[in-house]
C-alpha atoms as a PDB file:
ATOM      1  CA  MET A   1      -1.389 -13.909  -1.203  1.00  0.00           C
ATOM      2  CA  ASP A   2       0.139 -13.620   2.149  1.00  0.00           C
ATOM      3  CA  LEU A   3       0.505 -10.048   2.839  1.00  0.00           C
ATOM      4  CA  ARG A   4       1.157  -9.811   6.287  1.00  0.00           C
ATOM      5  CA  GLY A   5       3.420  -7.699   6.983  1.00  0.00           C
ATOM      6  CA  HIS A   6       3.802  -5.243   3.438  1.00  0.00           C
ATOM      7  CA  LEU A   7      -0.069  -4.415   3.735  1.00  0.00           C
ATOM      8  CA  ASP A   8       0.791  -1.023   4.903  1.00  0.00           C
ATOM      9  CA  LEU A   9       3.928  -0.605   2.362  1.00  0.00           C
ATOM     10  CA  LEU A  10       1.977  -1.329  -0.813  1.00  0.00           C
ATOM     11  CA  LEU A  11      -1.711   0.740   1.079  1.00  0.00           C
ATOM     12  CA  LEU A  12       1.269   3.598   1.855  1.00  0.00           C
ATOM     13  CA  GLY A  13       3.131   3.816  -1.385  1.00  0.00           C
ATOM     14  CA  THR A  14       0.410   3.556  -4.010  1.00  0.00           C
ATOM     15  CA  LEU A  15      -1.766   6.804  -1.657  1.00  0.00           C
ATOM     16  CA  ARG A  16       1.689   8.084  -2.352  1.00  0.00           C
ATOM     17  CA  HIS A  17       0.768   7.435  -5.710  1.00  0.00           C
ATOM     18  CA  THR A  18      -2.736   8.256  -6.373  1.00  0.00           C
ATOM     19  CA  GLY A  19      -1.851  11.194  -4.131  1.00  0.00           C
ATOM     20  CA  PRO A  20      -5.883  11.815  -1.932  1.00  0.00           C
ATOM     21  CA  VAL A  21      -7.695   8.729  -2.792  1.00  0.00           C
ATOM     22  CA  HIS A  22     -10.958   6.605  -1.809  1.00  0.00           C
ATOM     23  CA  GLY A  23     -10.836   3.674  -0.321  1.00  0.00           C
ATOM     24  CA  TYR A  24     -12.565   1.563  -3.292  1.00  0.00           C
ATOM     25  CA  ALA A  25     -10.158   3.569  -5.599  1.00  0.00           C
ATOM     26  CA  LEU A  26      -7.041   3.411  -3.505  1.00  0.00           C
ATOM     27  CA  ILE A  27      -8.268  -0.717  -4.174  1.00  0.00           C
ATOM     28  CA  VAL A  28      -8.481  -0.574  -7.709  1.00  0.00           C
ATOM     29  CA  ALA A  29      -5.148   1.358  -8.044  1.00  0.00           C
ATOM     30  CA  LEU A  30      -3.559  -1.289  -6.192  1.00  0.00           C
ATOM     31  CA  ARG A  31      -5.268  -4.012  -8.267  1.00  0.00           C
ATOM     32  CA  GLU A  32      -3.943  -2.110 -11.156  1.00  0.00           C
ATOM     33  CA  ARG A  33      -0.493  -1.043 -10.851  1.00  0.00           C
ATOM     34  CA  SER A  34       0.586  -3.988  -9.369  1.00  0.00           C
ATOM     35  CA  ASP A  35      -0.958  -5.649 -12.585  1.00  0.00           C
ATOM     36  CA  GLY A  36      -4.420  -7.885 -10.401  1.00  0.00           C
ATOM     37  CA  ALA A  37      -1.223  -9.020  -8.085  1.00  0.00           C
ATOM     38  CA  PHE A  38      -2.991  -7.826  -5.411  1.00  0.00           C
ATOM     39  CA  ALA A  39      -7.015  -7.803  -5.765  1.00  0.00           C
ATOM     40  CA  LEU A  40      -7.664  -7.413  -2.126  1.00  0.00           C
ATOM     41  CA  PRO A  41     -11.114  -7.173  -0.866  1.00  0.00           C
ATOM     42  CA  GLU A  42     -12.599  -3.860   1.130  1.00  0.00           C
ATOM     43  CA  GLY A  43     -12.348  -6.423   4.298  1.00  0.00           C
ATOM     44  CA  THR A  44      -8.284  -6.150   3.812  1.00  0.00           C
ATOM     45  CA  VAL A  45      -7.970  -2.244   2.791  1.00  0.00           C
ATOM     46  CA  TYR A  46     -10.805  -0.460   4.977  1.00  0.00           C
ATOM     47  CA  PRO A  47      -9.542  -2.472   8.890  1.00  0.00           C
ATOM     48  CA  ALA A  48      -5.846  -1.028   7.497  1.00  0.00           C
ATOM     49  CA  LEU A  49      -6.566   1.885   6.482  1.00  0.00           C
ATOM     50  CA  HIS A  50      -7.947   2.277   9.773  1.00  0.00           C
ATOM     51  CA  ARG A  51      -5.177   1.889  11.374  1.00  0.00           C
ATOM     52  CA  LEU A  52      -2.424   3.772   9.217  1.00  0.00           C
ATOM     53  CA  GLU A  53      -5.816   6.485   9.974  1.00  0.00           C
ATOM     54  CA  ARG A  54      -4.501   5.871  14.072  1.00  0.00           C
ATOM     55  CA  ASP A  55      -1.252   5.756  14.054  1.00  0.00           C
ATOM     56  CA  GLY A  56      -1.423   9.149  12.194  1.00  0.00           C
ATOM     57  CA  LEU A  57       0.236   7.845   8.337  1.00  0.00           C
ATOM     58  CA  VAL A  58      -2.896   8.881   6.539  1.00  0.00           C
ATOM     59  CA  VAL A  59      -5.992  11.100   7.288  1.00  0.00           C
ATOM     60  CA  SER A  60      -9.388  11.374   6.127  1.00  0.00           C
ATOM     61  CA  ARG A  61     -12.016  13.795   5.091  1.00  0.00           C
ATOM     62  CA  TRP A  62     -15.604  13.234   3.792  1.00  0.00           C
ATOM     63  CA  ASP A  63     -15.377  14.615   0.170  1.00  0.00           C
ATOM     64  CA  THR A  64     -19.350  15.429  -0.461  1.00  0.00           C
ATOM     65  CA  SER A  65     -18.541  16.682  -4.124  1.00  0.00           C
ATOM     66  CA  ALA A  66     -19.985  13.315  -5.779  1.00  0.00           C
ATOM     67  CA  PRO A  67     -23.301  12.574  -5.718  1.00  0.00           C
ATOM     68  CA  ARG A  68     -22.275  10.036  -2.756  1.00  0.00           C
ATOM     69  CA  ARG A  69     -19.967  10.837   0.492  1.00  0.00           C
ATOM     70  CA  ARG A  70     -16.897   8.951   0.548  1.00  0.00           C
ATOM     71  CA  ARG A  71     -13.808   9.192   2.518  1.00  0.00           C
ATOM     72  CA  VAL A  72     -11.213  10.776   1.351  1.00  0.00           C
ATOM     73  CA  TYR A  73      -7.227   9.034   1.927  1.00  0.00           C
ATOM     74  CA  ALA A  74      -4.524  10.786   2.132  1.00  0.00           C
ATOM     75  CA  LEU A  75      -0.378   9.802   2.745  1.00  0.00           C
ATOM     76  CA  THR A  76       0.861  12.215   6.032  1.00  0.00           C
ATOM     77  CA  ALA A  77       4.430  13.607   6.423  1.00  0.00           C
ATOM     78  CA  SER A  78       4.639  10.318   9.307  1.00  0.00           C
ATOM     79  CA  GLY A  79       3.136   8.472   6.314  1.00  0.00           C
ATOM     80  CA  ASN A  80       5.532   9.112   4.123  1.00  0.00           C
ATOM     81  CA  ALA A  81       8.464   8.684   5.816  1.00  0.00           C
ATOM     82  CA  ALA A  82       7.332   5.285   7.255  1.00  0.00           C
ATOM     83  CA  LEU A  83       6.572   4.640   3.641  1.00  0.00           C
ATOM     84  CA  VAL A  84      10.783   5.165   2.890  1.00  0.00           C
ATOM     85  CA  THR A  85      11.534   2.818   6.181  1.00  0.00           C
ATOM     86  CA  LYS A  86       9.645   0.104   4.867  1.00  0.00           C
ATOM     87  CA  GLN A  87      10.459   0.631   0.992  1.00  0.00           C
ATOM     88  CA  GLY A  88      14.263   0.571   2.519  1.00  0.00           C
ATOM     89  CA  GLU A  89      13.166  -2.763   5.149  1.00  0.00           C
ATOM     90  CA  TRP A  90      11.817  -4.502   2.439  1.00  0.00           C
ATOM     91  CA  TRP A  91      14.882  -3.634  -0.109  1.00  0.00           C
ATOM     92  CA  SER A  92      16.955  -4.883   2.441  1.00  0.00           C
ATOM     93  CA  PHE A  93      15.419  -8.406   2.751  1.00  0.00           C
ATOM     94  CA  ALA A  94      15.205  -9.128  -0.953  1.00  0.00           C
ATOM     95  CA  ARG A  95      18.722  -9.005  -1.806  1.00  0.00           C
ATOM     96  CA  GLY A  96      18.746 -11.563   1.093  1.00  0.00           C
ATOM     97  CA  VAL A  97      16.273 -13.336  -0.625  1.00  0.00           C
ATOM     98  CA  ARG A  98      18.418 -12.830  -3.660  1.00  0.00           C
ATOM     99  CA  ALA A  99      21.009 -13.731  -1.559  1.00  0.00           C
ATOM    100  CA  VAL A 100      20.336 -16.951  -0.389  1.00  0.00           C
ATOM    101  CA  LEU A 101      18.375 -18.500  -3.349  1.00  0.00           C
ATOM    102  CA  GLY A 102      20.621 -17.383  -6.006  1.00  0.00           C
ATOM    103  CA  PRO A 103      20.321 -14.481  -8.842  1.00  0.00           C
ATOM    104  CA  GLU A 104      18.556 -16.741 -11.385  1.00  0.00           C
ATOM    105  CA  ILE A 105      15.194 -17.045  -8.753  1.00  0.00           C
ATOM    106  CA  ALA A 106      15.057 -12.781  -8.588  1.00  0.00           C
ATOM    107  CA  GLU A 107      14.931 -12.937 -12.258  1.00  0.00           C
ATOM    108  CA  GLY A 108      12.146 -15.357 -12.785  1.00  0.00           C
ATOM    109  CA  MET A 109      14.822 -17.579 -15.033  1.00  0.00           C
ATOM    110  CA  VAL A 110      14.009 -20.790 -12.630  1.00  0.00           C
END
């Protein structure tokens, strides 16, 4: 599935749900919350997390409480605001698609 334009929304939304979490746990949570629809490789998620961090939407810190240190990511206030904006954009897009394709498409009846 092509996630261009939607990956940030999915990652930010998952982080809001999980709270601070290391990258692999974020990947697992996204896969589980989507019933397997978004089984993303690490090579997709980590660069996106680094970009989101660079943009100030997430922060990270090293967690050394486990035997192997891991980077833990958390949503920032700016990230939460961006998530709200992206959610609104997505819902607007989804309403437009439904208007074009018809409600039976959106409800999976075709």
